Amino acid sequence: MTRIAFGFVAIGFLAAGVATGDDKKPEPPINTAAEQLKQLRKQYDEIEAKFMKDLRADRSEKGIRKANDENQQAQRKWREEALAALRKSGSLPEAFDLIVSVLARSSVEHAEMADLLRKHHAVRPDLGKLFHSMVQGHDGIGRAFVEEMAEKSPVATVRGQAALAVGWQAKWRITQDGEMSLGFGEKLTEDQRRQMTARAEKYLTLAATYADAPVVFGAGTVAENARAELAGLRNLPNLMVGKVAPDIEGETIEGTRVKLSDSRGKVTVLVFWATWCGPCMKMVPHEKKLVERMKDKPFALIGVNGDDERAKAQEIAAARGMSWPSFWDAAKRSDGPITRAWNVHVWPTVFVLDAKGVIRSVRTDDDKLDETVDELVKELEKK
């Protein structure tokens, strides 16, 4: 309290023009526009935190609806204030983080935000943190800006990150074709699919040249991630029922070198799993029974593990009695090179291959797994 009171007295003296004997220059005035931008960015985090707290506090249908309604109202008010501040002070360095928050919530402002970024923030080395959200807008405006950055940004890392984002989005759109829940609805026409494939190939190939550029999300370099995405893009025609599955070669979670093709001559179940995936772990008892039942049959169960810690995968596999081998995918976000090469987006994903390595079933659960395996084993044993 003494310090505060003294502060008021000192201010009073200065305002009255009384000499203090201090020749220091006065503090520069606070940039109120910059402070407003920072405050709005802070408010965004507070709104998100309150929403999550409200959801945890009342998990009833009524409570969830109430939390959502209140959050939407708060977000609308915040968005109006944020846009007003950006229209006035969008050139300030503090505006960038607020633009990131605006784009995280909505793609409606892509054109306006892209214009601000182009005019005032295009040389920022951290521009790449916006690209993932911008390429996913349905109007294509955000993606067009990211394409522009992939080709024209003066920052090499930004060019690489932009190319990866555009290529990833095009490939992802192809693999998720027709998903109503993602807002796509209608399937791509053949012409659209060709255009999307060409875009993915162009930008992923470009991204693969940026060997020193780090990725914004996940691990590894832009080039490493781009090569994995390219493998998935080129595998698309082969990862369908009736096609011979591409081979996998790598280490198991224990460190043994193996290949998927080592199981040729057997009916093979390939399961993409991770310890953090609840549905994956619920399947383990069923998988153990299947392995035990098929122990004298031409059958193999092989996993592809998506954990970010190898030791964790080893520990859980041993504790749960998962005696079958699992490829180690060296994943950092459930999207290691094998996962992306096989275009796996849902965990678990289960492929069933016949003795010739032909894909006979692709599912995201273990329903009808025994039925499919039994049928294929019987076919094989008849020969």
Protein backbone atom coordinates (compact mmCIF):
# COMPACT_ATOMS: atom_id res chain seq x y z
CA MET A 1 0.00 0.00 0.00
CA THR A 2 2.88 2.39 0.75
CA ARG A 3 4.19 2.01 -2.80
CA ILE A 4 0.81 2.72 -4.31
CA ALA A 5 0.25 5.80 -2.18
CA PHE A 6 3.71 7.10 -3.01
CA GLY A 7 2.95 6.56 -6.71
CA PHE A 8 -0.10 8.78 -6.50
CA VAL A 9 1.86 11.51 -4.69
CA ALA A 10 4.64 11.39 -7.27
CA ILE A 11 2.15 11.66 -10.10
CA GLY A 12 0.56 14.64 -8.35
CA PHE A 13 3.90 16.43 -8.11
CA LEU A 14 4.72 15.81 -11.75
CA ALA A 15 1.31 16.98 -12.89
CA ALA A 16 1.79 20.20 -10.95
CA GLY A 17 5.15 20.76 -12.58
CA VAL A 18 7.14 20.38 -9.34
CA ALA A 19 10.81 19.54 -9.97
CA THR A 20 11.85 16.14 -8.67
CA GLY A 21 15.53 16.32 -9.44
CA ASP A 22 15.19 13.25 -11.71
CA ASP A 23 16.36 13.84 -15.28
CA LYS A 24 15.03 10.50 -16.60
CA LYS A 25 12.86 10.67 -19.68
CA PRO A 26 9.20 9.92 -19.03
CA GLU A 27 7.93 6.45 -19.89
CA PRO A 28 6.53 6.25 -23.44
CA PRO A 29 2.75 6.25 -23.58
CA ILE A 30 1.07 2.87 -23.70
CA ASN A 31 0.10 1.85 -27.21
CA THR A 32 -3.57 1.35 -26.43
CA ALA A 33 -4.28 -0.25 -29.80
CA ALA A 34 -1.60 -2.88 -29.21
CA GLU A 35 -2.86 -3.50 -25.68
CA GLN A 36 -6.40 -3.95 -27.00
CA LEU A 37 -5.20 -6.54 -29.51
CA LYS A 38 -3.35 -8.46 -26.80
CA GLN A 39 -6.34 -8.27 -24.47
CA LEU A 40 -8.65 -9.65 -27.15
CA ARG A 41 -6.23 -12.51 -27.76
CA LYS A 42 -6.26 -13.24 -24.03
CA GLN A 43 -10.06 -13.13 -23.99
CA TYR A 44 -10.13 -15.82 -26.69
CA ASP A 45 -8.25 -18.22 -24.41
CA GLU A 46 -10.50 -17.30 -21.48
CA ILE A 47 -13.66 -18.01 -23.50
CA GLU A 48 -12.28 -21.39 -24.57
CA ALA A 49 -11.24 -22.25 -21.00
CA LYS A 50 -14.68 -21.32 -19.62
CA PHE A 51 -16.39 -23.43 -22.27
CA MET A 52 -14.36 -26.52 -21.35
CA LYS A 53 -14.95 -25.89 -17.64
CA ASP A 54 -18.71 -25.58 -18.19
CA LEU A 55 -18.78 -28.81 -20.20
CA ARG A 56 -16.98 -30.68 -17.43
CA ALA A 57 -19.23 -29.19 -14.74
CA ASP A 58 -22.51 -30.44 -16.21
CA ARG A 59 -22.41 -33.34 -18.67
CA SER A 60 -26.19 -33.63 -18.96
CA GLU A 61 -27.85 -32.87 -22.30
CA LYS A 62 -29.28 -29.66 -20.84
CA GLY A 63 -25.90 -28.65 -19.42
CA ILE A 64 -24.09 -29.30 -22.69
CA ARG A 65 -26.69 -27.31 -24.63
CA LYS A 66 -26.42 -24.42 -22.16
CA ALA A 67 -22.62 -24.42 -22.35
CA ASN A 68 -22.72 -24.42 -26.15
CA ASP A 69 -25.28 -21.60 -26.31
CA GLU A 70 -23.30 -19.42 -23.91
CA ASN A 71 -20.07 -20.15 -25.75
CA GLN A 72 -21.58 -19.23 -29.11
CA GLN A 73 -22.87 -15.93 -27.72
CA ALA A 74 -19.47 -15.13 -26.20
CA GLN A 75 -17.70 -16.08 -29.42
CA ARG A 76 -19.99 -13.88 -31.55
CA LYS A 77 -19.38 -10.86 -29.31
CA TRP A 78 -15.64 -11.53 -29.21
CA ARG A 79 -15.48 -11.96 -32.98
CA GLU A 80 -17.20 -8.64 -33.62
CA GLU A 81 -14.79 -6.84 -31.28
CA ALA A 82 -11.77 -8.65 -32.71
CA LEU A 83 -12.67 -7.81 -36.30
CA ALA A 84 -13.27 -4.17 -35.40
CA ALA A 85 -9.87 -3.98 -33.72
CA LEU A 86 -8.11 -5.68 -36.63
CA ARG A 87 -9.74 -3.38 -39.18
CA LYS A 88 -8.39 -0.46 -37.22
CA SER A 89 -4.98 -1.78 -36.13
CA GLY A 90 -4.27 -4.83 -38.30
CA SER A 91 -0.82 -3.57 -39.26
CA LEU A 92 0.56 -3.82 -35.71
CA PRO A 93 2.73 -6.84 -34.81
CA GLU A 94 0.28 -7.71 -32.02
CA ALA A 95 -2.45 -8.20 -34.63
CA PHE A 96 -0.94 -11.43 -35.91
CA ASP A 97 -1.84 -13.64 -32.94
CA LEU A 98 -5.36 -12.25 -32.98
CA ILE A 99 -5.68 -13.10 -36.68
CA VAL A 100 -4.60 -16.65 -35.79
CA SER A 101 -7.44 -16.84 -33.24
CA VAL A 102 -10.04 -15.43 -35.64
CA LEU A 103 -9.13 -17.96 -38.31
CA ALA A 104 -9.15 -20.81 -35.80
CA ARG A 105 -12.87 -20.22 -35.25
CA SER A 106 -14.15 -19.35 -38.71
CA SER A 107 -13.30 -19.39 -42.41
CA VAL A 108 -15.79 -16.62 -43.21
CA GLU A 109 -13.12 -13.94 -42.83
CA HIS A 110 -10.49 -15.66 -45.00
CA ALA A 111 -10.51 -12.92 -47.66
CA GLU A 112 -10.23 -10.07 -45.17
CA MET A 113 -7.61 -11.79 -43.01
CA ALA A 114 -5.59 -12.88 -46.06
CA ASP A 115 -5.48 -9.26 -47.19
CA LEU A 116 -4.16 -8.14 -43.78
CA LEU A 117 -1.58 -10.91 -43.77
CA ARG A 118 -0.44 -10.12 -47.28
CA LYS A 119 -0.05 -6.40 -46.56
CA HIS A 120 1.44 -6.46 -43.08
CA HIS A 121 2.60 -9.92 -41.96
CA ALA A 122 3.78 -11.83 -45.04
CA VAL A 123 7.44 -11.90 -43.95
CA ARG A 124 6.80 -13.38 -40.51
CA PRO A 125 8.76 -16.63 -40.02
CA ASP A 126 5.86 -18.09 -37.99
CA LEU A 127 3.22 -17.50 -40.66
CA GLY A 128 2.96 -21.26 -41.14
CA LYS A 129 0.88 -21.74 -38.00
CA LEU A 130 -2.09 -20.33 -39.94
CA PHE A 131 -1.85 -22.59 -42.96
CA HIS A 132 -3.54 -25.72 -41.59
CA SER A 133 -6.78 -23.86 -40.83
CA MET A 134 -6.67 -21.67 -43.94
CA VAL A 135 -6.42 -24.52 -46.46
CA GLN A 136 -9.56 -26.15 -45.06
CA GLY A 137 -12.06 -23.38 -45.84
CA HIS A 138 -14.71 -24.37 -48.35
CA ASP A 139 -14.50 -21.10 -50.31
CA GLY A 140 -10.92 -21.74 -51.45
CA ILE A 141 -9.81 -18.19 -50.56
CA GLY A 142 -7.64 -19.25 -47.66
CA ARG A 143 -6.09 -22.04 -49.70
CA ALA A 144 -5.32 -19.60 -52.52
CA PHE A 145 -3.41 -17.41 -50.05
CA VAL A 146 -1.42 -20.41 -48.81
CA GLU A 147 -0.63 -21.40 -52.40
CA GLU A 148 0.62 -17.84 -52.95
CA MET A 149 2.90 -18.17 -49.92
CA ALA A 150 4.18 -21.54 -51.18
CA GLU A 151 5.37 -19.88 -54.35
CA LYS A 152 6.20 -16.30 -53.34
CA SER A 153 7.05 -16.06 -49.64
CA PRO A 154 10.52 -14.58 -49.08
CA VAL A 155 10.99 -16.99 -46.16
CA ALA A 156 12.12 -20.46 -47.25
CA THR A 157 10.63 -22.25 -44.23
CA VAL A 158 7.28 -20.60 -44.84
CA ARG A 159 7.32 -21.64 -48.50
CA GLY A 160 7.93 -25.25 -47.50
CA GLN A 161 5.25 -25.26 -44.79
CA ALA A 162 2.76 -23.69 -47.19
CA ALA A 163 3.45 -26.26 -49.91
CA LEU A 164 2.99 -29.10 -47.41
CA ALA A 165 -0.31 -27.65 -46.17
CA VAL A 166 -1.77 -27.28 -49.68
CA GLY A 167 -0.63 -30.75 -50.74
CA TRP A 168 -1.89 -32.34 -47.52
CA GLN A 169 -5.33 -30.71 -47.88
CA ALA A 170 -5.75 -31.92 -51.46
CA LYS A 171 -4.78 -35.48 -50.54
CA TRP A 172 -6.99 -35.44 -47.45
CA ARG A 173 -9.96 -34.22 -49.50
CA ILE A 174 -9.53 -37.13 -51.90
CA THR A 175 -9.31 -39.72 -49.13
CA GLN A 176 -12.37 -38.29 -47.36
CA ASP A 177 -14.44 -37.98 -50.54
CA GLY A 178 -18.17 -37.77 -49.91
CA GLU A 179 -17.99 -37.56 -46.11
CA MET A 180 -21.21 -35.76 -45.13
CA SER A 181 -19.98 -35.20 -41.58
CA LEU A 182 -17.09 -33.13 -42.90
CA GLY A 183 -19.39 -30.84 -44.86
CA PHE A 184 -18.43 -32.19 -48.28
CA GLY A 185 -21.70 -33.94 -49.09
CA GLU A 186 -21.29 -34.57 -52.79
CA LYS A 187 -18.54 -36.79 -54.11
CA LEU A 188 -15.86 -35.40 -56.37
CA THR A 189 -16.42 -35.68 -60.09
CA GLU A 190 -13.74 -37.45 -62.09
CA ASP A 191 -12.48 -34.09 -63.35
CA GLN A 192 -12.38 -32.66 -59.81
CA ARG A 193 -10.56 -35.74 -58.57
CA ARG A 194 -7.93 -35.40 -61.31
CA GLN A 195 -7.45 -31.72 -60.46
CA MET A 196 -7.19 -32.48 -56.74
CA THR A 197 -4.69 -35.27 -57.36
CA ALA A 198 -2.58 -33.01 -59.59
CA ARG A 199 -2.60 -30.29 -56.91
CA ALA A 200 -1.56 -32.74 -54.20
CA GLU A 201 1.22 -34.15 -56.38
CA LYS A 202 2.49 -30.69 -57.33
CA TYR A 203 2.68 -29.21 -53.85
CA LEU A 204 3.83 -32.32 -52.00
CA THR A 205 6.62 -32.74 -54.55
CA LEU A 206 7.56 -29.10 -53.97
CA ALA A 207 7.42 -29.55 -50.18
CA ALA A 208 9.70 -32.59 -50.43
CA THR A 209 12.54 -30.26 -51.48
CA TYR A 210 12.53 -28.41 -48.12
CA ALA A 211 14.80 -30.75 -46.19
CA ASP A 212 15.73 -28.20 -43.51
CA ALA A 213 12.30 -26.70 -42.84
CA PRO A 214 10.57 -27.86 -39.62
CA VAL A 215 6.89 -28.70 -39.62
CA VAL A 216 4.46 -26.57 -37.60
CA PHE A 217 2.65 -29.57 -36.09
CA GLY A 218 4.10 -32.98 -35.36
CA ALA A 219 7.71 -33.99 -35.80
CA GLY A 220 10.35 -34.14 -38.49
CA THR A 221 11.01 -31.89 -41.44
CA VAL A 222 8.70 -30.64 -44.16
CA ALA A 223 10.50 -32.90 -46.64
CA GLU A 224 10.07 -36.03 -44.49
CA ASN A 225 6.38 -35.37 -44.00
CA ALA A 226 5.85 -34.56 -47.67
CA ARG A 227 7.48 -37.82 -48.78
CA ALA A 228 5.17 -39.78 -46.47
CA GLU A 229 2.12 -37.96 -47.82
CA LEU A 230 3.29 -38.58 -51.40
CA ALA A 231 3.58 -42.29 -50.65
CA GLY A 232 -0.02 -42.25 -49.44
CA LEU A 233 -1.17 -40.33 -52.50
CA ARG A 234 0.50 -42.79 -54.85
CA ASN A 235 -0.85 -45.72 -52.82
CA LEU A 236 -4.47 -44.61 -53.17
CA PRO A 237 -5.22 -46.91 -56.13
CA ASN A 238 -3.66 -49.86 -54.27
CA LEU A 239 -5.39 -49.48 -50.91
CA MET A 240 -8.74 -50.74 -52.10
CA VAL A 241 -10.49 -54.08 -51.72
CA GLY A 242 -9.28 -56.32 -54.53
CA LYS A 243 -5.84 -54.72 -54.83
CA VAL A 244 -2.50 -56.11 -53.65
CA ALA A 245 -1.50 -54.20 -50.53
CA PRO A 246 1.74 -52.22 -50.66
CA ASP A 247 4.56 -53.73 -48.67
CA ILE A 248 5.72 -52.38 -45.32
CA GLU A 249 9.30 -52.73 -44.18
CA GLY A 250 10.55 -51.52 -40.83
CA GLU A 251 11.20 -52.31 -37.19
CA THR A 252 8.81 -53.78 -34.68
CA ILE A 253 8.27 -52.02 -31.38
CA GLU A 254 10.94 -54.39 -29.99
CA GLY A 255 13.44 -53.44 -32.71
CA THR A 256 13.28 -56.48 -35.03
CA ARG A 257 13.40 -55.81 -38.79
CA VAL A 258 10.33 -57.24 -40.53
CA LYS A 259 8.31 -56.88 -43.73
CA LEU A 260 4.58 -57.23 -44.23
CA SER A 261 5.29 -59.47 -47.22
CA ASP A 262 6.93 -61.98 -44.85
CA SER A 263 3.38 -63.12 -44.07
CA ARG A 264 2.55 -63.96 -47.70
CA GLY A 265 0.99 -67.40 -47.89
CA LYS A 266 -1.09 -66.64 -44.79
CA VAL A 267 -4.33 -64.80 -44.17
CA THR A 268 -3.11 -61.61 -42.52
CA VAL A 269 -4.92 -59.13 -40.30
CA LEU A 270 -3.16 -55.75 -40.18
CA VAL A 271 -4.34 -53.54 -37.31
CA PHE A 272 -3.43 -49.86 -36.87
CA TRP A 273 -3.54 -49.33 -33.11
CA ALA A 274 -2.19 -47.19 -30.27
CA THR A 275 -2.30 -47.33 -26.49
CA TRP A 276 -4.08 -43.95 -26.39
CA CYS A 277 -6.89 -45.31 -28.60
CA GLY A 278 -9.69 -46.68 -26.41
CA PRO A 279 -11.44 -48.67 -29.16
CA CYS A 280 -8.08 -50.16 -30.18
CA MET A 281 -7.40 -51.45 -26.69
CA LYS A 282 -10.95 -52.81 -26.36
CA MET A 283 -10.23 -55.01 -29.37
CA VAL A 284 -7.18 -56.65 -27.75
CA PRO A 285 -9.07 -59.48 -25.95
CA HIS A 286 -10.80 -60.35 -29.22
CA GLU A 287 -7.48 -60.27 -31.08
CA LYS A 288 -5.88 -62.56 -28.49
CA LYS A 289 -8.70 -65.09 -28.86
CA LEU A 290 -8.38 -64.94 -32.64
CA VAL A 291 -4.62 -65.52 -32.51
CA GLU A 292 -5.07 -68.43 -30.10
CA ARG A 293 -7.82 -69.99 -32.22
CA MET A 294 -5.72 -69.67 -35.38
CA LYS A 295 -2.37 -70.77 -33.90
CA ASP A 296 -2.17 -73.90 -36.11
CA LYS A 297 -3.65 -72.23 -39.18
CA PRO A 298 -2.06 -70.21 -42.02
CA PHE A 299 -2.80 -66.95 -40.24
CA ALA A 300 -0.92 -63.89 -38.99
CA LEU A 301 -1.91 -60.84 -36.98
CA ILE A 302 0.35 -57.80 -37.35
CA GLY A 303 0.00 -54.37 -35.77
CA VAL A 304 1.10 -50.89 -36.75
CA ASN A 305 1.61 -48.87 -33.59
CA GLY A 306 0.89 -45.13 -33.48
CA ASP A 307 2.30 -44.23 -30.06
CA ASP A 308 4.82 -41.43 -29.68
CA GLU A 309 6.81 -43.42 -27.09
CA ARG A 310 8.22 -46.76 -28.12
CA ALA A 311 8.73 -47.86 -24.52
CA LYS A 312 5.07 -47.19 -23.76
CA ALA A 313 3.97 -49.39 -26.67
CA GLN A 314 6.32 -52.18 -25.53
CA GLU A 315 5.11 -51.96 -21.94
CA ILE A 316 1.40 -52.09 -22.78
CA ALA A 317 1.82 -54.81 -25.40
CA ALA A 318 3.64 -57.00 -22.88
CA ALA A 319 1.17 -56.27 -20.08
CA ARG A 320 -1.83 -57.08 -22.29
CA GLY A 321 -0.28 -60.23 -23.73
CA MET A 322 -0.12 -58.93 -27.30
CA SER A 323 2.22 -61.62 -28.59
CA TRP A 324 2.04 -60.67 -32.27
CA PRO A 325 4.51 -58.25 -33.89
CA SER A 326 3.72 -54.58 -34.35
CA PHE A 327 5.52 -52.20 -36.67
CA TRP A 328 6.88 -49.12 -34.90
CA ASP A 329 5.64 -46.09 -36.83
CA ALA A 330 7.76 -43.52 -34.96
CA ALA A 331 4.67 -41.35 -34.70
CA LYS A 332 4.40 -38.02 -32.93
CA ARG A 333 0.73 -37.33 -33.63
CA SER A 334 -0.62 -40.73 -34.70
CA ASP A 335 0.57 -39.93 -38.22
CA GLY A 336 3.89 -41.65 -38.77
CA PRO A 337 5.14 -42.59 -42.24
CA ILE A 338 3.33 -45.95 -42.39
CA THR A 339 0.06 -44.40 -41.24
CA ARG A 340 0.23 -41.72 -43.90
CA ALA A 341 1.41 -44.10 -46.61
CA TRP A 342 -1.68 -46.20 -45.88
CA ASN A 343 -3.95 -43.14 -45.58
CA VAL A 344 -5.23 -44.14 -42.14
CA HIS A 345 -7.34 -41.43 -40.50
CA VAL A 346 -9.44 -43.51 -38.09
CA TRP A 347 -8.12 -45.59 -35.18
CA PRO A 348 -8.35 -48.51 -35.23
CA THR A 349 -8.30 -49.39 -38.92
CA VAL A 350 -8.24 -53.10 -39.77
CA PHE A 351 -7.10 -54.51 -43.12
CA VAL A 352 -7.62 -58.20 -43.91
CA LEU A 353 -5.32 -59.61 -46.60
CA ASP A 354 -5.58 -63.00 -48.27
CA ALA A 355 -2.62 -65.31 -48.79
CA LYS A 356 -1.61 -63.44 -51.95
CA GLY A 357 -1.55 -60.09 -50.14
CA VAL A 358 -4.78 -58.92 -51.74
CA ILE A 359 -6.92 -56.64 -49.58
CA ARG A 360 -10.21 -58.41 -48.89
CA SER A 361 -11.65 -56.16 -46.17
CA VAL A 362 -11.09 -52.70 -44.66
CA ARG A 363 -12.93 -51.79 -41.47
CA THR A 364 -12.64 -49.46 -38.48
CA ASP A 365 -13.80 -52.10 -35.98
CA ASP A 366 -13.60 -55.85 -35.44
CA ASP A 367 -17.18 -56.65 -36.48
CA LYS A 368 -17.29 -59.67 -38.79
CA LEU A 369 -13.52 -60.07 -38.42
CA ASP A 370 -13.77 -63.74 -37.41
CA GLU A 371 -16.22 -64.43 -40.20
CA THR A 372 -13.94 -62.89 -42.82
CA VAL A 373 -10.82 -64.63 -41.50
CA ASP A 374 -12.53 -68.03 -41.24
CA GLU A 375 -13.79 -67.80 -44.80
CA LEU A 376 -10.36 -66.88 -46.20
CA VAL A 377 -8.56 -69.57 -44.18
CA LYS A 378 -11.02 -72.20 -45.40
CA GLU A 379 -10.44 -71.09 -49.00
CA LEU A 380 -6.70 -71.40 -48.48
CA GLU A 381 -6.87 -74.81 -46.81
CA LYS A 382 -8.93 -76.22 -49.69
CA LYS A 383 -6.06 -75.60 -52.09
